């Protein structure tokens, strides 16, 4: 598997490389082939889709209330 070349860190050099690619002066770098097993992707997605709901059903109302209070405090916490 070929490794992609690193992009320049300097903003000016990065801008020039983008323009070169856009105008066709330089060939666009190839993307690495990250093909995943479709069965594994589907299995992982199933777990991700039911995670929050499954956790919520296991919590008591008091536990859910505590979690909600902590979340609200985090949202409204001042950052000075």
N, C-alpha and C. Protein backbone atom coordinates (compact mmCIF):
# COMPACT_ATOMS: atom_id res chain seq x y z
N UNK A 1 0.85 -1.17 0.00
CA UNK A 1 0.00 0.00 0.00
C UNK A 1 0.89 1.24 0.00
N UNK A 2 0.70 2.14 -0.95
CA UNK A 2 1.51 3.35 -1.05
C UNK A 2 1.04 4.38 -0.02
N UNK A 3 2.02 5.02 0.59
CA UNK A 3 1.70 6.03 1.59
C UNK A 3 1.52 7.38 0.90
N UNK A 4 0.52 8.15 1.33
CA UNK A 4 0.28 9.46 0.74
C UNK A 4 1.38 10.42 1.15
N UNK A 5 1.82 11.30 0.23
CA UNK A 5 2.82 12.29 0.61
C UNK A 5 2.20 13.30 1.57
N UNK A 6 3.05 13.82 2.48
CA UNK A 6 2.54 14.79 3.44
C UNK A 6 2.28 16.12 2.76
N UNK A 7 1.27 16.81 3.26
CA UNK A 7 1.00 18.16 2.76
C UNK A 7 1.97 19.13 3.42
N UNK A 8 2.31 20.22 2.73
CA UNK A 8 3.21 21.20 3.33
C UNK A 8 2.56 21.87 4.54
N UNK A 9 3.36 22.16 5.56
CA UNK A 9 2.85 22.82 6.77
C UNK A 9 2.72 24.32 6.58
N UNK A 10 3.57 24.87 5.73
CA UNK A 10 3.54 26.31 5.48
C UNK A 10 2.28 26.65 4.70
N UNK A 11 1.49 27.63 5.18
CA UNK A 11 0.22 27.96 4.50
C UNK A 11 0.40 28.39 3.05
N UNK A 12 1.49 29.10 2.76
CA UNK A 12 1.71 29.55 1.38
C UNK A 12 2.02 28.37 0.46
N UNK A 13 2.86 27.46 0.93
CA UNK A 13 3.18 26.29 0.13
C UNK A 13 1.95 25.39 -0.05
N UNK A 14 1.14 25.28 1.00
CA UNK A 14 -0.08 24.49 0.91
C UNK A 14 -1.03 25.10 -0.13
N UNK A 15 -1.17 26.43 -0.10
CA UNK A 15 -2.04 27.10 -1.06
C UNK A 15 -1.55 26.87 -2.49
N UNK A 16 -0.24 26.96 -2.68
CA UNK A 16 0.30 26.72 -4.03
C UNK A 16 0.05 25.29 -4.48
N UNK A 17 0.22 24.32 -3.57
CA UNK A 17 -0.02 22.93 -3.97
C UNK A 17 -1.48 22.71 -4.32
N UNK A 18 -2.39 23.37 -3.61
CA UNK A 18 -3.82 23.25 -3.91
C UNK A 18 -4.13 23.84 -5.28
N UNK A 19 -3.54 25.01 -5.57
CA UNK A 19 -3.75 25.64 -6.88
C UNK A 19 -3.17 24.77 -7.98
N UNK A 20 -1.99 24.20 -7.75
CA UNK A 20 -1.37 23.32 -8.76
C UNK A 20 -2.26 22.12 -9.05
N UNK A 21 -2.84 21.53 -8.02
CA UNK A 21 -3.73 20.39 -8.22
C UNK A 21 -5.00 20.82 -8.96
N UNK A 22 -5.55 21.98 -8.57
CA UNK A 22 -6.79 22.46 -9.18
C UNK A 22 -6.61 22.81 -10.65
N UNK A 23 -5.44 23.35 -11.00
CA UNK A 23 -5.21 23.73 -12.39
C UNK A 23 -4.67 22.59 -13.23
N UNK A 24 -4.38 21.47 -12.60
CA UNK A 24 -3.92 20.30 -13.33
C UNK A 24 -2.42 20.28 -13.58
N UNK A 25 -1.67 21.21 -12.98
CA UNK A 25 -0.22 21.23 -13.16
C UNK A 25 0.43 20.04 -12.46
N UNK A 26 -0.18 19.58 -11.38
CA UNK A 26 0.33 18.45 -10.62
C UNK A 26 -0.81 17.45 -10.47
N UNK A 27 -0.49 16.16 -10.56
CA UNK A 27 -1.51 15.14 -10.41
C UNK A 27 -1.95 15.06 -8.95
N UNK A 28 -3.25 14.88 -8.76
CA UNK A 28 -3.80 14.78 -7.42
C UNK A 28 -3.27 13.52 -6.73
N UNK A 29 -2.86 13.63 -5.45
CA UNK A 29 -2.34 12.45 -4.75
C UNK A 29 -3.41 11.37 -4.65
N UNK A 30 -2.98 10.12 -4.79
CA UNK A 30 -3.90 8.99 -4.71
C UNK A 30 -4.30 8.74 -3.26
N UNK A 31 -5.55 8.38 -3.05
CA UNK A 31 -6.04 8.03 -1.72
C UNK A 31 -5.64 6.59 -1.42
N UNK A 32 -5.30 6.34 -0.16
CA UNK A 32 -4.97 4.98 0.25
C UNK A 32 -6.23 4.13 0.19
N UNK A 33 -6.08 2.86 -0.17
CA UNK A 33 -7.21 1.95 -0.26
C UNK A 33 -7.55 1.45 1.14
N UNK A 34 -8.54 2.05 1.74
CA UNK A 34 -8.96 1.67 3.09
C UNK A 34 -10.27 0.90 3.03
N UNK A 35 -10.33 -0.09 2.17
CA UNK A 35 -11.57 -0.84 2.04
C UNK A 35 -11.79 -1.65 3.32
N UNK A 36 -12.98 -1.57 3.83
CA UNK A 36 -13.33 -2.25 5.07
C UNK A 36 -14.26 -3.41 4.76
N UNK A 37 -14.27 -4.35 5.65
CA UNK A 37 -15.15 -5.49 5.51
C UNK A 37 -16.59 -5.01 5.74
N UNK A 38 -17.47 -5.10 4.74
CA UNK A 38 -18.84 -4.58 4.89
C UNK A 38 -19.60 -5.24 6.04
N UNK A 39 -19.35 -6.51 6.29
CA UNK A 39 -20.05 -7.18 7.39
C UNK A 39 -19.63 -6.60 8.73
N UNK A 40 -18.34 -6.30 8.87
CA UNK A 40 -17.85 -5.72 10.12
C UNK A 40 -18.39 -4.30 10.32
N UNK A 41 -18.47 -3.54 9.23
CA UNK A 41 -19.00 -2.18 9.31
C UNK A 41 -20.46 -2.22 9.77
N UNK A 42 -21.23 -3.12 9.18
CA UNK A 42 -22.65 -3.23 9.54
C UNK A 42 -22.82 -3.65 11.00
N UNK A 43 -22.01 -4.59 11.44
CA UNK A 43 -22.08 -5.05 12.81
C UNK A 43 -21.75 -3.92 13.79
N UNK A 44 -20.72 -3.15 13.49
CA UNK A 44 -20.34 -2.03 14.33
C UNK A 44 -21.42 -0.96 14.36
N UNK A 45 -22.04 -0.74 13.22
CA UNK A 45 -23.11 0.27 13.14
C UNK A 45 -24.31 -0.15 13.99
N UNK A 46 -24.63 -1.42 14.00
CA UNK A 46 -25.76 -1.90 14.81
C UNK A 46 -25.53 -1.58 16.29
N UNK A 47 -24.32 -1.84 16.77
CA UNK A 47 -24.02 -1.55 18.16
C UNK A 47 -24.09 -0.06 18.45
N UNK A 48 -23.63 0.75 17.51
CA UNK A 48 -23.65 2.20 17.70
C UNK A 48 -25.06 2.77 17.69
N UNK A 49 -25.94 2.16 16.93
CA UNK A 49 -27.31 2.67 16.84
C UNK A 49 -28.11 2.40 18.10
N UNK A 50 -27.83 1.31 18.80
CA UNK A 50 -28.64 0.98 19.96
C UNK A 50 -27.99 1.36 21.29
N UNK A 51 -26.75 1.84 21.25
CA UNK A 51 -26.00 2.10 22.48
C UNK A 51 -26.67 3.04 23.46
N UNK A 52 -27.02 4.25 23.03
CA UNK A 52 -27.60 5.24 23.93
C UNK A 52 -28.96 4.84 24.46
N UNK A 53 -29.78 4.27 23.61
CA UNK A 53 -31.11 3.85 24.03
C UNK A 53 -31.02 2.71 25.03
N UNK A 54 -30.12 1.75 24.78
CA UNK A 54 -29.96 0.62 25.69
C UNK A 54 -29.47 1.10 27.05
N UNK A 55 -28.55 2.06 27.05
CA UNK A 55 -28.04 2.58 28.32
C UNK A 55 -29.15 3.32 29.08
N UNK A 56 -29.95 4.11 28.36
CA UNK A 56 -31.01 4.88 29.01
C UNK A 56 -32.05 3.97 29.66
N UNK A 57 -32.36 2.84 29.04
CA UNK A 57 -33.37 1.96 29.62
C UNK A 57 -32.86 1.28 30.89
N UNK A 58 -31.54 1.12 31.02
CA UNK A 58 -30.96 0.48 32.20
C UNK A 58 -30.82 1.43 33.38
N UNK A 59 -30.85 2.74 33.12
CA UNK A 59 -30.68 3.71 34.19
C UNK A 59 -31.99 3.96 34.92
N UNK A 60 -31.87 4.25 36.21
CA UNK A 60 -33.06 4.63 36.98
C UNK A 60 -33.36 6.09 36.68
N UNK A 61 -34.60 6.54 36.95
CA UNK A 61 -34.91 7.95 36.72
C UNK A 61 -33.98 8.89 37.50
N UNK A 62 -33.60 8.48 38.70
CA UNK A 62 -32.71 9.32 39.50
C UNK A 62 -31.33 9.43 38.84
N UNK A 63 -30.82 8.31 38.30
CA UNK A 63 -29.53 8.34 37.63
C UNK A 63 -29.58 9.21 36.37
N UNK A 64 -30.68 9.09 35.61
CA UNK A 64 -30.82 9.93 34.41
C UNK A 64 -30.87 11.40 34.78
N UNK A 65 -31.55 11.72 35.88
CA UNK A 65 -31.63 13.10 36.32
C UNK A 65 -30.25 13.65 36.71
N UNK A 66 -29.46 12.84 37.41
CA UNK A 66 -28.12 13.26 37.79
C UNK A 66 -27.25 13.50 36.56
N UNK A 67 -27.32 12.61 35.60
CA UNK A 67 -26.54 12.76 34.38
C UNK A 67 -26.96 14.04 33.65
N UNK A 68 -28.26 14.30 33.60
CA UNK A 68 -28.76 15.49 32.93
C UNK A 68 -28.30 16.76 33.64
N UNK A 69 -28.27 16.75 34.97
CA UNK A 69 -27.80 17.92 35.73
C UNK A 69 -26.33 18.20 35.44
N UNK A 70 -25.52 17.15 35.42
CA UNK A 70 -24.09 17.32 35.14
C UNK A 70 -23.89 17.87 33.72
N UNK A 71 -24.67 17.35 32.77
CA UNK A 71 -24.57 17.82 31.39
C UNK A 71 -24.97 19.29 31.28
N UNK A 72 -26.04 19.68 31.98
CA UNK A 72 -26.48 21.08 31.94
C UNK A 72 -25.44 22.00 32.56
N UNK A 73 -24.84 21.57 33.66
CA UNK A 73 -23.79 22.38 34.28
C UNK A 73 -22.60 22.55 33.33
N UNK A 74 -22.25 21.49 32.63
CA UNK A 74 -21.13 21.56 31.68
C UNK A 74 -21.46 22.52 30.55
N UNK A 75 -22.71 22.51 30.08
CA UNK A 75 -23.10 23.41 28.98
C UNK A 75 -23.09 24.86 29.42
N UNK A 76 -23.50 25.13 30.63
CA UNK A 76 -23.65 26.51 31.08
C UNK A 76 -22.44 27.03 31.87
N UNK A 77 -21.40 26.19 31.98
CA UNK A 77 -20.21 26.59 32.73
C UNK A 77 -19.54 27.77 32.00
N UNK A 78 -19.20 28.78 32.81
CA UNK A 78 -18.53 29.95 32.21
C UNK A 78 -17.07 29.63 31.97
N UNK A 79 -16.57 30.11 30.84
CA UNK A 79 -15.15 29.97 30.53
C UNK A 79 -14.55 31.35 30.44
N UNK A 80 -13.83 31.73 31.47
CA UNK A 80 -13.22 33.07 31.50
C UNK A 80 -11.75 33.01 31.21
